[in-house]
Amino acid sequence: MHGINVHKIGNYISCSGTGNARFFYFSSWNSAGVPHNAIHLGTLDGAGAWGRGIATGKLFDKNKWYFVAGVINNEDGMTRAYVDGKLAHEQKFTTGDTPGTPTAIWIGGTPEAYQWVTGTMDEVAFYNAALTEDDINFIMKNGLMKGVIKAVDSHGKVATTWGGIKNAD
């Protein structure tokens, strides 16, 4: 995520092919309860169970912007959380592929409908490769580069076409 000003966030990639539908999860959930001002980040372990996750302590203050990134590197076996370009927390896990087939991405919430965003998110991105700290700092300083991440094209979509028809009268 490039920027957040939140008190609670939830992002989620669901999957099929495992006993656990959480392929990837990133939120501000705090095991101590509200306010949810921490990072809860993880993915499935090699057996398809929830096991490559971290839950930090308090990291965020309300009404302040942060640059937040989470990296799960299956090659070096590390889950890392970054806040404002600096490593905030890391944890080792057993290396190996993440099982399952990703099926849906939820931004700002989860299918369970209990972790909806309270705040504002700006420039959310998911990558299929583990970013380095240098990559994260480059994105933090320069934003998501044109040509790397493409915006959704509204041309030819129903809402755009209908808007054009309605405005033609």
C-alpha atoms as a PDB file:
ATOM      1  CA  MET A   1       0.000   0.000   0.000  1.00  0.00           C
ATOM      2  CA  HIS A   2       1.368   3.366  -0.846  1.00  0.00           C
ATOM      3  CA  GLY A   3      -0.459   5.544   1.627  1.00  0.00           C
ATOM      4  CA  ILE A   4      -2.973   5.091   4.376  1.00  0.00           C
ATOM      5  CA  ASN A   5      -4.655   7.375   6.864  1.00  0.00           C
ATOM      6  CA  VAL A   6      -6.600   4.843   8.810  1.00  0.00           C
ATOM      7  CA  HIS A   7      -7.724   3.533  12.099  1.00  0.00           C
ATOM      8  CA  LYS A   8      -8.577   0.122  10.658  1.00  0.00           C
ATOM      9  CA  ILE A   9      -7.695  -1.566   7.350  1.00  0.00           C
ATOM     10  CA  GLY A  10      -8.341  -4.964   5.841  1.00  0.00           C
ATOM     11  CA  ASN A  11      -7.029  -6.396   2.566  1.00  0.00           C
ATOM     12  CA  TYR A  12      -7.419  -9.993   1.598  1.00  0.00           C
ATOM     13  CA  ILE A  13      -6.794 -12.429  -1.263  1.00  0.00           C
ATOM     14  CA  SER A  14      -9.000 -15.499  -1.082  1.00  0.00           C
ATOM     15  CA  CYS A  15      -8.114 -18.825  -2.669  1.00  0.00           C
ATOM     16  CA  SER A  16      -9.395 -22.245  -3.565  1.00  0.00           C
ATOM     17  CA  GLY A  17      -7.678 -25.608  -3.249  1.00  0.00           C
ATOM     18  CA  THR A  18      -6.897 -25.465   0.487  1.00  0.00           C
ATOM     19  CA  GLY A  19      -8.763 -25.926   3.761  1.00  0.00           C
ATOM     20  CA  ASN A  20      -8.181 -22.226   4.555  1.00  0.00           C
ATOM     21  CA  ALA A  21      -9.508 -19.575   2.171  1.00  0.00           C
ATOM     22  CA  ARG A  22      -7.006 -16.874   3.244  1.00  0.00           C
ATOM     23  CA  PHE A  23      -4.257 -16.932   0.629  1.00  0.00           C
ATOM     24  CA  PHE A  24      -2.973 -13.503   1.766  1.00  0.00           C
ATOM     25  CA  TYR A  25      -4.118 -11.138   4.494  1.00  0.00           C
ATOM     26  CA  PHE A  26      -3.000  -7.633   5.475  1.00  0.00           C
ATOM     27  CA  SER A  27      -4.814  -5.583   8.102  1.00  0.00           C
ATOM     28  CA  SER A  28      -4.379  -3.243  11.056  1.00  0.00           C
ATOM     29  CA  TRP A  29      -5.899  -5.794  13.445  1.00  0.00           C
ATOM     30  CA  ASN A  30      -4.431  -5.714  16.941  1.00  0.00           C
ATOM     31  CA  SER A  31      -4.753  -8.743  19.217  1.00  0.00           C
ATOM     32  CA  ALA A  32      -5.146  -6.336  22.147  1.00  0.00           C
ATOM     33  CA  GLY A  33      -8.419  -5.117  20.603  1.00  0.00           C
ATOM     34  CA  VAL A  34      -9.507  -1.663  19.532  1.00  0.00           C
ATOM     35  CA  PRO A  35      -8.106   0.575  18.411  1.00  0.00           C
ATOM     36  CA  HIS A  36      -6.773  -1.591  15.597  1.00  0.00           C
ATOM     37  CA  ASN A  37      -3.465   0.207  15.084  1.00  0.00           C
ATOM     38  CA  ALA A  38      -1.002  -2.595  14.312  1.00  0.00           C
ATOM     39  CA  ILE A  39      -0.090  -4.807  11.337  1.00  0.00           C
ATOM     40  CA  HIS A  40      -1.504  -8.291  10.935  1.00  0.00           C
ATOM     41  CA  LEU A  41       0.017  -9.834   7.818  1.00  0.00           C
ATOM     42  CA  GLY A  42       0.330 -13.362   6.567  1.00  0.00           C
ATOM     43  CA  THR A  43      -0.291 -16.168   4.136  1.00  0.00           C
ATOM     44  CA  LEU A  44      -0.768 -19.919   4.165  1.00  0.00           C
ATOM     45  CA  ASP A  45       2.122 -22.219   5.049  1.00  0.00           C
ATOM     46  CA  GLY A  46       3.192 -25.096   2.799  1.00  0.00           C
ATOM     47  CA  ALA A  47       0.536 -27.392   4.307  1.00  0.00           C
ATOM     48  CA  GLY A  48      -2.273 -24.898   3.593  1.00  0.00           C
ATOM     49  CA  ALA A  49      -2.694 -23.767   7.204  1.00  0.00           C
ATOM     50  CA  TRP A  50      -2.459 -20.210   8.537  1.00  0.00           C
ATOM     51  CA  GLY A  51       1.177 -20.118   9.602  1.00  0.00           C
ATOM     52  CA  ARG A  52       3.280 -17.463   7.894  1.00  0.00           C
ATOM     53  CA  GLY A  53       1.786 -14.519   9.724  1.00  0.00           C
ATOM     54  CA  ILE A  54       2.831 -11.699  12.006  1.00  0.00           C
ATOM     55  CA  ALA A  55       0.889  -9.505  14.403  1.00  0.00           C
ATOM     56  CA  THR A  56       2.732  -6.439  15.650  1.00  0.00           C
ATOM     57  CA  GLY A  57       2.001  -4.168  18.553  1.00  0.00           C
ATOM     58  CA  LYS A  58       0.792  -0.572  18.144  1.00  0.00           C
ATOM     59  CA  LEU A  59       2.310   1.170  15.123  1.00  0.00           C
ATOM     60  CA  PHE A  60      -0.228   3.791  14.036  1.00  0.00           C
ATOM     61  CA  ASP A  61      -1.746   6.947  15.434  1.00  0.00           C
ATOM     62  CA  LYS A  62      -5.166   8.098  14.304  1.00  0.00           C
ATOM     63  CA  ASN A  63      -5.405  10.879  11.706  1.00  0.00           C
ATOM     64  CA  LYS A  64      -1.844  10.498  10.424  1.00  0.00           C
ATOM     65  CA  TRP A  65      -0.690   9.314   6.985  1.00  0.00           C
ATOM     66  CA  TYR A  66       1.619   6.298   6.728  1.00  0.00           C
ATOM     67  CA  PHE A  67       3.305   4.423   3.927  1.00  0.00           C
ATOM     68  CA  VAL A  68       2.748   0.737   4.732  1.00  0.00           C
ATOM     69  CA  ALA A  69       4.073  -2.354   2.948  1.00  0.00           C
ATOM     70  CA  GLY A  70       4.005  -6.054   3.725  1.00  0.00           C
ATOM     71  CA  VAL A  71       6.307  -8.602   2.072  1.00  0.00           C
ATOM     72  CA  ILE A  72       6.122 -12.375   2.263  1.00  0.00           C
ATOM     73  CA  ASN A  73       9.247 -13.876   0.700  1.00  0.00           C
ATOM     74  CA  ASN A  74       8.875 -17.617   0.153  1.00  0.00           C
ATOM     75  CA  GLU A  75      12.509 -17.904  -0.991  1.00  0.00           C
ATOM     76  CA  ASP A  76      14.246 -16.489   2.104  1.00  0.00           C
ATOM     77  CA  GLY A  77      11.423 -17.500   4.463  1.00  0.00           C
ATOM     78  CA  MET A  78      10.687 -14.048   5.886  1.00  0.00           C
ATOM     79  CA  THR A  79       7.509 -12.076   6.490  1.00  0.00           C
ATOM     80  CA  ARG A  80       8.308  -8.360   6.749  1.00  0.00           C
ATOM     81  CA  ALA A  81       6.235  -5.277   7.566  1.00  0.00           C
ATOM     82  CA  TYR A  82       7.417  -1.769   6.670  1.00  0.00           C
ATOM     83  CA  VAL A  83       6.107   1.568   7.902  1.00  0.00           C
ATOM     84  CA  ASP A  84       7.288   4.762   6.209  1.00  0.00           C
ATOM     85  CA  GLY A  85      10.030   2.810   4.392  1.00  0.00           C
ATOM     86  CA  LYS A  86      11.547   1.302   7.523  1.00  0.00           C
ATOM     87  CA  LEU A  87      11.364  -2.318   8.648  1.00  0.00           C
ATOM     88  CA  ALA A  88       8.884  -2.426  11.540  1.00  0.00           C
ATOM     89  CA  HIS A  89       8.701  -6.181  12.122  1.00  0.00           C
ATOM     90  CA  GLU A  90       9.947  -9.420  10.587  1.00  0.00           C
ATOM     91  CA  GLN A  91       9.524 -13.094  11.282  1.00  0.00           C
ATOM     92  CA  LYS A  92      11.128 -16.242   9.889  1.00  0.00           C
ATOM     93  CA  PHE A  93       9.091 -19.146   8.482  1.00  0.00           C
ATOM     94  CA  THR A  94       9.768 -22.403   6.645  1.00  0.00           C
ATOM     95  CA  THR A  95      10.437 -21.670   2.959  1.00  0.00           C
ATOM     96  CA  GLY A  96       8.359 -23.065   0.119  1.00  0.00           C
ATOM     97  CA  ASP A  97       5.508 -22.199  -2.185  1.00  0.00           C
ATOM     98  CA  THR A  98       2.154 -20.946  -0.941  1.00  0.00           C
ATOM     99  CA  PRO A  99      -0.521 -23.530  -1.811  1.00  0.00           C
ATOM    100  CA  GLY A 100      -3.896 -22.727  -3.319  1.00  0.00           C
ATOM    101  CA  THR A 101      -5.132 -20.738  -6.276  1.00  0.00           C
ATOM    102  CA  PRO A 102      -5.917 -17.048  -5.655  1.00  0.00           C
ATOM    103  CA  THR A 103      -9.512 -16.306  -6.634  1.00  0.00           C
ATOM    104  CA  ALA A 104     -10.512 -12.819  -5.426  1.00  0.00           C
ATOM    105  CA  ILE A 105      -8.884  -9.688  -4.029  1.00  0.00           C
ATOM    106  CA  TRP A 106     -10.681  -7.693  -1.341  1.00  0.00           C
ATOM    107  CA  ILE A 107      -9.354  -4.159  -0.771  1.00  0.00           C
ATOM    108  CA  GLY A 108     -10.609  -2.379   2.313  1.00  0.00           C
ATOM    109  CA  GLY A 109     -12.353  -5.394   3.803  1.00  0.00           C
ATOM    110  CA  THR A 110     -12.701  -9.152   4.038  1.00  0.00           C
ATOM    111  CA  PRO A 111     -15.348 -11.647   2.945  1.00  0.00           C
ATOM    112  CA  GLU A 112     -16.247 -12.117   6.607  1.00  0.00           C
ATOM    113  CA  ALA A 113     -17.438  -8.470   6.554  1.00  0.00           C
ATOM    114  CA  TYR A 114     -15.940  -7.551   9.925  1.00  0.00           C
ATOM    115  CA  GLN A 115     -12.712  -5.786   8.957  1.00  0.00           C
ATOM    116  CA  TRP A 116     -13.743  -2.857   6.784  1.00  0.00           C
ATOM    117  CA  VAL A 117     -11.472   0.129   6.343  1.00  0.00           C
ATOM    118  CA  THR A 118     -11.996   3.113   8.601  1.00  0.00           C
ATOM    119  CA  GLY A 119      -9.999   5.809   6.862  1.00  0.00           C
ATOM    120  CA  THR A 120      -8.467   6.444   3.459  1.00  0.00           C
ATOM    121  CA  MET A 121      -6.140   4.339   1.306  1.00  0.00           C
ATOM    122  CA  ASP A 122      -4.188   5.660  -1.652  1.00  0.00           C
ATOM    123  CA  GLU A 123      -2.327   3.673  -4.351  1.00  0.00           C
ATOM    124  CA  VAL A 124      -2.894   0.080  -3.302  1.00  0.00           C
ATOM    125  CA  ALA A 125      -0.842  -2.530  -5.193  1.00  0.00           C
ATOM    126  CA  PHE A 126      -0.211  -6.260  -4.974  1.00  0.00           C
ATOM    127  CA  TYR A 127       2.929  -7.803  -6.471  1.00  0.00           C
ATOM    128  CA  ASN A 128       3.673 -11.412  -7.371  1.00  0.00           C
ATOM    129  CA  ALA A 129       7.323 -11.045  -6.332  1.00  0.00           C
ATOM    130  CA  ALA A 130       8.887 -10.136  -2.989  1.00  0.00           C
ATOM    131  CA  LEU A 131       9.944  -6.485  -2.952  1.00  0.00           C
ATOM    132  CA  THR A 132      13.211  -5.413  -1.350  1.00  0.00           C
ATOM    133  CA  GLU A 133      13.541  -2.542   1.106  1.00  0.00           C
ATOM    134  CA  ASP A 134      15.059  -0.492  -1.749  1.00  0.00           C
ATOM    135  CA  ASP A 135      12.001  -1.266  -3.944  1.00  0.00           C
ATOM    136  CA  ILE A 136       9.661  -0.199  -1.157  1.00  0.00           C
ATOM    137  CA  ASN A 137      11.522   3.065  -0.570  1.00  0.00           C
ATOM    138  CA  PHE A 138      11.567   3.817  -4.312  1.00  0.00           C
ATOM    139  CA  ILE A 139       7.788   3.350  -4.519  1.00  0.00           C
ATOM    140  CA  MET A 140       7.302   5.401  -1.339  1.00  0.00           C
ATOM    141  CA  LYS A 141       9.314   8.310  -2.776  1.00  0.00           C
ATOM    142  CA  ASN A 142       8.133   8.110  -6.409  1.00  0.00           C
ATOM    143  CA  GLY A 143       4.677   6.520  -6.313  1.00  0.00           C
ATOM    144  CA  LEU A 144       3.541   3.727  -8.569  1.00  0.00           C
ATOM    145  CA  MET A 145       5.258   4.340 -11.876  1.00  0.00           C
ATOM    146  CA  LYS A 146       3.277   4.860 -15.071  1.00  0.00           C
ATOM    147  CA  GLY A 147       3.565   1.762 -17.227  1.00  0.00           C
ATOM    148  CA  VAL A 148       4.222  -0.532 -14.262  1.00  0.00           C
ATOM    149  CA  ILE A 149       0.760  -0.335 -12.713  1.00  0.00           C
ATOM    150  CA  LYS A 150      -2.087   0.570 -15.025  1.00  0.00           C
ATOM    151  CA  ALA A 151      -5.253   2.279 -13.907  1.00  0.00           C
ATOM    152  CA  VAL A 152      -8.619   0.731 -14.728  1.00  0.00           C
ATOM    153  CA  ASP A 153      -9.741   2.014 -18.133  1.00  0.00           C
ATOM    154  CA  SER A 154     -13.272   3.437 -17.939  1.00  0.00           C
ATOM    155  CA  HIS A 155     -13.661   3.729 -21.756  1.00  0.00           C
ATOM    156  CA  GLY A 156     -16.443   1.486 -23.062  1.00  0.00           C
ATOM    157  CA  LYS A 157     -17.710   0.505 -19.611  1.00  0.00           C
ATOM    158  CA  VAL A 158     -21.448   0.538 -18.903  1.00  0.00           C
ATOM    159  CA  ALA A 159     -21.347   3.428 -16.413  1.00  0.00           C
ATOM    160  CA  THR A 160     -19.272   5.606 -18.782  1.00  0.00           C
ATOM    161  CA  THR A 161     -21.425   4.764 -21.806  1.00  0.00           C
ATOM    162  CA  TRP A 162     -24.672   5.404 -19.878  1.00  0.00           C
ATOM    163  CA  GLY A 163     -23.264   8.702 -18.593  1.00  0.00           C
ATOM    164  CA  GLY A 164     -22.531   9.729 -22.176  1.00  0.00           C
ATOM    165  CA  ILE A 165     -26.044   8.798 -23.304  1.00  0.00           C
ATOM    166  CA  LYS A 166     -27.666  10.686 -20.405  1.00  0.00           C
ATOM    167  CA  ASN A 167     -25.531  13.793 -21.049  1.00  0.00           C
ATOM    168  CA  ALA A 168     -26.306  13.763 -24.790  1.00  0.00           C
ATOM    169  CA  ASP A 169     -29.926  14.814 -24.148  1.00  0.00           C
END
